[in-house]
Amino acid sequence: MSGKIENMNYEKAIERLEEIVNLLENGDQPLDDSIKLFEEGTSLAQRCNNLLENAQQKIVTLTAKENEV
């Protein structure tokens, strides 16, 4: 699953994360499934965080270059 997560864009990762949250909030999942969903959710949250950090760094870099001109 982690290889699949590493290739997700931000929007897909957020969408899947929302699905996981809904599944866990319903409380209908067996414990083992809940743990797997939680692990996937944690990986997705990290992916989203990394993508946001990369986007922020690009904005900072572009802004710095624009200010140099």
C-alpha atoms as a PDB file:
ATOM      1  CA  MET A   1       0.000   0.000   0.000  1.00  0.00           C
ATOM      2  CA  SER A   2       2.825   2.435   0.756  1.00  0.00           C
ATOM      3  CA  GLY A   3       4.050   2.366  -2.868  1.00  0.00           C
ATOM      4  CA  LYS A   4       0.571   3.284  -3.966  1.00  0.00           C
ATOM      5  CA  ILE A   5       0.396   6.084  -1.389  1.00  0.00           C
ATOM      6  CA  GLU A   6       3.763   7.482  -2.470  1.00  0.00           C
ATOM      7  CA  ASN A   7       2.371   7.964  -5.984  1.00  0.00           C
ATOM      8  CA  MET A   8      -0.877   9.651  -4.922  1.00  0.00           C
ATOM      9  CA  ASN A   9      -1.436  13.300  -5.579  1.00  0.00           C
ATOM     10  CA  TYR A  10      -2.695  15.520  -2.779  1.00  0.00           C
ATOM     11  CA  GLU A  11      -6.344  15.419  -3.794  1.00  0.00           C
ATOM     12  CA  LYS A  12      -6.496  11.612  -4.036  1.00  0.00           C
ATOM     13  CA  ALA A  13      -4.677  11.209  -0.727  1.00  0.00           C
ATOM     14  CA  ILE A  14      -7.076  13.591   1.043  1.00  0.00           C
ATOM     15  CA  GLU A  15     -10.065  11.820  -0.511  1.00  0.00           C
ATOM     16  CA  ARG A  16      -8.867   8.428   0.727  1.00  0.00           C
ATOM     17  CA  LEU A  17      -8.022   9.874   4.133  1.00  0.00           C
ATOM     18  CA  GLU A  18     -11.573  11.213   4.434  1.00  0.00           C
ATOM     19  CA  GLU A  19     -12.930   7.761   3.535  1.00  0.00           C
ATOM     20  CA  ILE A  20     -10.807   6.195   6.253  1.00  0.00           C
ATOM     21  CA  VAL A  21     -11.933   8.732   8.842  1.00  0.00           C
ATOM     22  CA  ASN A  22     -15.568   8.010   7.995  1.00  0.00           C
ATOM     23  CA  LEU A  23     -15.019   4.251   8.264  1.00  0.00           C
ATOM     24  CA  LEU A  24     -13.294   4.587  11.619  1.00  0.00           C
ATOM     25  CA  GLU A  25     -15.888   7.015  12.971  1.00  0.00           C
ATOM     26  CA  ASN A  26     -18.685   4.570  12.145  1.00  0.00           C
ATOM     27  CA  GLY A  27     -17.057   2.004  14.404  1.00  0.00           C
ATOM     28  CA  ASP A  28     -18.311  -0.900  12.275  1.00  0.00           C
ATOM     29  CA  GLN A  29     -14.844  -2.213  11.447  1.00  0.00           C
ATOM     30  CA  PRO A  30     -13.275  -5.179  13.240  1.00  0.00           C
ATOM     31  CA  LEU A  31     -10.264  -4.270  15.356  1.00  0.00           C
ATOM     32  CA  ASP A  32      -7.700  -5.665  12.914  1.00  0.00           C
ATOM     33  CA  ASP A  33      -9.256  -3.736  10.031  1.00  0.00           C
ATOM     34  CA  SER A  34      -9.396  -0.579  12.138  1.00  0.00           C
ATOM     35  CA  ILE A  35      -5.688  -0.871  12.888  1.00  0.00           C
ATOM     36  CA  LYS A  36      -4.883  -1.336   9.188  1.00  0.00           C
ATOM     37  CA  LEU A  37      -7.038   1.650   8.288  1.00  0.00           C
ATOM     38  CA  PHE A  38      -5.362   3.735  10.990  1.00  0.00           C
ATOM     39  CA  GLU A  39      -1.924   2.788   9.641  1.00  0.00           C
ATOM     40  CA  GLU A  40      -2.993   3.685   6.112  1.00  0.00           C
ATOM     41  CA  GLY A  41      -4.429   6.958   7.369  1.00  0.00           C
ATOM     42  CA  THR A  42      -1.189   7.802   9.110  1.00  0.00           C
ATOM     43  CA  SER A  43       0.743   7.163   5.892  1.00  0.00           C
ATOM     44  CA  LEU A  44      -1.716   9.266   3.916  1.00  0.00           C
ATOM     45  CA  ALA A  45      -1.465  12.139   6.393  1.00  0.00           C
ATOM     46  CA  GLN A  46       2.325  12.029   6.089  1.00  0.00           C
ATOM     47  CA  ARG A  47       2.059  12.021   2.286  1.00  0.00           C
ATOM     48  CA  CYS A  48      -0.220  15.062   2.371  1.00  0.00           C
ATOM     49  CA  ASN A  49       2.118  16.839   4.757  1.00  0.00           C
ATOM     50  CA  ASN A  50       5.105  16.137   2.500  1.00  0.00           C
ATOM     51  CA  LEU A  51       3.256  17.375  -0.566  1.00  0.00           C
ATOM     52  CA  LEU A  52       2.242  20.577   1.220  1.00  0.00           C
ATOM     53  CA  GLU A  53       5.790  21.160   2.449  1.00  0.00           C
ATOM     54  CA  ASN A  54       7.113  20.676  -1.105  1.00  0.00           C
ATOM     55  CA  ALA A  55       4.544  23.101  -2.495  1.00  0.00           C
ATOM     56  CA  GLN A  56       5.415  25.649   0.168  1.00  0.00           C
ATOM     57  CA  GLN A  57       9.120  25.332  -0.624  1.00  0.00           C
ATOM     58  CA  LYS A  58       8.435  25.853  -4.333  1.00  0.00           C
ATOM     59  CA  ILE A  59       6.438  28.989  -3.550  1.00  0.00           C
ATOM     60  CA  VAL A  60       9.233  30.314  -1.358  1.00  0.00           C
ATOM     61  CA  THR A  61      11.792  29.590  -4.080  1.00  0.00           C
ATOM     62  CA  LEU A  62       9.698  31.183  -6.825  1.00  0.00           C
ATOM     63  CA  THR A  63       8.954  34.207  -4.690  1.00  0.00           C
ATOM     64  CA  ALA A  64      12.636  34.654  -3.880  1.00  0.00           C
ATOM     65  CA  LYS A  65      13.565  34.420  -7.571  1.00  0.00           C
ATOM     66  CA  GLU A  66      10.845  36.916  -8.490  1.00  0.00           C
ATOM     67  CA  ASN A  67      12.108  39.367  -5.873  1.00  0.00           C
ATOM     68  CA  GLU A  68      15.618  39.125  -7.312  1.00  0.00           C
ATOM     69  CA  VAL A  69      14.458  40.324 -10.727  1.00  0.00           C
END
